[in-house]
Amino acid sequence: MNKSELIIKIAESADISKKAAGDALQAFMTTVSNTLKNGDKVTLIGFGTFSVSKRFARTGRNPQTGKKILIPARKVAKFKVGKKLAESVN
């Protein structure tokens, strides 16, 4: 499912217009993104938790040349699935 299909499903499920569903989805994504940028996490009980994790610097290898390269440290977004979502998939 892509973003357009998700917007259609939200609009149908909530009985709202596609524009309102698109605006709501965009607001959700922006809010989650801004919260993660601030170093906080977003927890939706039963669904899951969005958080930020630190990935330390490490040595890698260029697959084309085989030469060692330094991969710098960075922050990455993570999602941990909630219990209800995990159970609904099985």
C-alpha atoms as a PDB file:
ATOM      1  CA  MET A   1       0.000   0.000   0.000  1.00  0.00           C
ATOM      2  CA  ASN A   2       1.343   3.411  -0.905  1.00  0.00           C
ATOM      3  CA  LYS A   3       0.485   6.832   0.535  1.00  0.00           C
ATOM      4  CA  SER A   4      -2.354   7.516  -1.935  1.00  0.00           C
ATOM      5  CA  GLU A   5      -3.985   4.170  -1.213  1.00  0.00           C
ATOM      6  CA  LEU A   6      -3.631   4.775   2.528  1.00  0.00           C
ATOM      7  CA  ILE A   7      -5.330   8.171   2.216  1.00  0.00           C
ATOM      8  CA  ILE A   8      -8.247   6.555   0.354  1.00  0.00           C
ATOM      9  CA  LYS A   9      -8.607   3.869   3.057  1.00  0.00           C
ATOM     10  CA  ILE A  10      -8.495   6.468   5.853  1.00  0.00           C
ATOM     11  CA  ALA A  11     -11.114   8.607   4.068  1.00  0.00           C
ATOM     12  CA  GLU A  12     -13.423   5.618   3.612  1.00  0.00           C
ATOM     13  CA  SER A  13     -12.921   4.310   7.141  1.00  0.00           C
ATOM     14  CA  ALA A  14     -13.423   7.680   8.871  1.00  0.00           C
ATOM     15  CA  ASP A  15     -16.121   8.851   6.411  1.00  0.00           C
ATOM     16  CA  ILE A  16     -14.202  12.033   5.588  1.00  0.00           C
ATOM     17  CA  SER A  17     -12.939  13.587   2.353  1.00  0.00           C
ATOM     18  CA  LYS A  18      -9.698  12.473   0.751  1.00  0.00           C
ATOM     19  CA  LYS A  19      -8.292  15.962   1.305  1.00  0.00           C
ATOM     20  CA  ALA A  20      -9.064  15.846   5.035  1.00  0.00           C
ATOM     21  CA  ALA A  21      -7.562  12.352   5.271  1.00  0.00           C
ATOM     22  CA  GLY A  22      -4.448  13.502   3.395  1.00  0.00           C
ATOM     23  CA  ASP A  23      -4.092  16.534   5.664  1.00  0.00           C
ATOM     24  CA  ALA A  24      -4.468  14.342   8.765  1.00  0.00           C
ATOM     25  CA  LEU A  25      -1.881  11.850   7.523  1.00  0.00           C
ATOM     26  CA  GLN A  26       0.557  14.652   6.659  1.00  0.00           C
ATOM     27  CA  ALA A  27       0.044  16.222  10.096  1.00  0.00           C
ATOM     28  CA  PHE A  28       0.733  12.840  11.737  1.00  0.00           C
ATOM     29  CA  MET A  29       3.936  12.298   9.743  1.00  0.00           C
ATOM     30  CA  THR A  30       5.162  15.842  10.414  1.00  0.00           C
ATOM     31  CA  THR A  31       4.449  15.557  14.131  1.00  0.00           C
ATOM     32  CA  VAL A  32       6.247  12.222  14.447  1.00  0.00           C
ATOM     33  CA  SER A  33       9.209  13.551  12.455  1.00  0.00           C
ATOM     34  CA  ASN A  34       9.504  16.722  14.560  1.00  0.00           C
ATOM     35  CA  THR A  35       9.179  14.755  17.798  1.00  0.00           C
ATOM     36  CA  LEU A  36      11.984  12.386  16.743  1.00  0.00           C
ATOM     37  CA  LYS A  37      14.176  15.341  15.707  1.00  0.00           C
ATOM     38  CA  ASN A  38      13.794  16.679  19.250  1.00  0.00           C
ATOM     39  CA  GLY A  39      15.051  13.366  20.638  1.00  0.00           C
ATOM     40  CA  ASP A  40      11.693  12.268  22.046  1.00  0.00           C
ATOM     41  CA  LYS A  41       9.670   9.171  21.209  1.00  0.00           C
ATOM     42  CA  VAL A  42       6.069   8.629  20.094  1.00  0.00           C
ATOM     43  CA  THR A  43       4.184   5.742  21.692  1.00  0.00           C
ATOM     44  CA  LEU A  44       0.841   4.539  20.356  1.00  0.00           C
ATOM     45  CA  ILE A  45      -0.273   1.860  22.809  1.00  0.00           C
ATOM     46  CA  GLY A  46      -1.099  -1.361  21.001  1.00  0.00           C
ATOM     47  CA  PHE A  47       0.361  -0.101  17.716  1.00  0.00           C
ATOM     48  CA  GLY A  48       4.010   0.641  18.429  1.00  0.00           C
ATOM     49  CA  THR A  49       6.713   3.117  19.359  1.00  0.00           C
ATOM     50  CA  PHE A  50       8.729   5.430  17.118  1.00  0.00           C
ATOM     51  CA  SER A  51      12.119   6.334  18.616  1.00  0.00           C
ATOM     52  CA  VAL A  52      15.630   7.496  17.742  1.00  0.00           C
ATOM     53  CA  SER A  53      18.703   5.327  18.223  1.00  0.00           C
ATOM     54  CA  LYS A  54      22.392   6.173  17.944  1.00  0.00           C
ATOM     55  CA  ARG A  55      24.453   4.135  15.520  1.00  0.00           C
ATOM     56  CA  PHE A  56      28.161   4.285  16.374  1.00  0.00           C
ATOM     57  CA  ALA A  57      30.911   4.907  13.825  1.00  0.00           C
ATOM     58  CA  ARG A  58      32.288   1.731  12.308  1.00  0.00           C
ATOM     59  CA  THR A  59      34.564   0.425   9.605  1.00  0.00           C
ATOM     60  CA  GLY A  60      32.971  -0.922   6.433  1.00  0.00           C
ATOM     61  CA  ARG A  61      34.163  -2.149   3.095  1.00  0.00           C
ATOM     62  CA  ASN A  62      33.519  -0.705  -0.368  1.00  0.00           C
ATOM     63  CA  PRO A  63      31.933  -3.628  -2.267  1.00  0.00           C
ATOM     64  CA  GLN A  64      33.380  -2.506  -5.612  1.00  0.00           C
ATOM     65  CA  THR A  65      37.001  -2.008  -4.569  1.00  0.00           C
ATOM     66  CA  GLY A  66      37.230  -3.948  -1.316  1.00  0.00           C
ATOM     67  CA  LYS A  67      38.867  -0.912   0.295  1.00  0.00           C
ATOM     68  CA  LYS A  68      38.073  -0.196   3.967  1.00  0.00           C
ATOM     69  CA  ILE A  69      35.998   2.922   4.613  1.00  0.00           C
ATOM     70  CA  LEU A  70      34.891   4.718   7.779  1.00  0.00           C
ATOM     71  CA  ILE A  71      31.124   4.879   8.236  1.00  0.00           C
ATOM     72  CA  PRO A  72      30.371   7.873  10.483  1.00  0.00           C
ATOM     73  CA  ALA A  73      28.131   7.791  13.560  1.00  0.00           C
ATOM     74  CA  ARG A  74      24.529   8.849  13.007  1.00  0.00           C
ATOM     75  CA  LYS A  75      21.065   8.803  14.480  1.00  0.00           C
ATOM     76  CA  VAL A  76      18.459   6.463  12.974  1.00  0.00           C
ATOM     77  CA  ALA A  77      14.699   6.221  13.379  1.00  0.00           C
ATOM     78  CA  LYS A  78      13.344   2.969  14.794  1.00  0.00           C
ATOM     79  CA  PHE A  79       9.882   1.454  15.117  1.00  0.00           C
ATOM     80  CA  LYS A  80       9.059  -1.193  17.695  1.00  0.00           C
ATOM     81  CA  VAL A  81       5.814  -3.035  17.004  1.00  0.00           C
ATOM     82  CA  GLY A  82       3.173  -3.024  19.742  1.00  0.00           C
ATOM     83  CA  LYS A  83       1.566  -6.168  21.103  1.00  0.00           C
ATOM     84  CA  LYS A  84      -1.865  -5.750  19.471  1.00  0.00           C
ATOM     85  CA  LEU A  85      -0.370  -5.015  16.046  1.00  0.00           C
ATOM     86  CA  ALA A  86       1.977  -7.992  16.306  1.00  0.00           C
ATOM     87  CA  GLU A  87      -0.911 -10.272  17.271  1.00  0.00           C
ATOM     88  CA  SER A  88      -3.140  -8.982  14.456  1.00  0.00           C
ATOM     89  CA  VAL A  89      -0.538  -9.923  11.850  1.00  0.00           C
ATOM     90  CA  ASN A  90      -0.355 -13.557  13.000  1.00  0.00           C
END
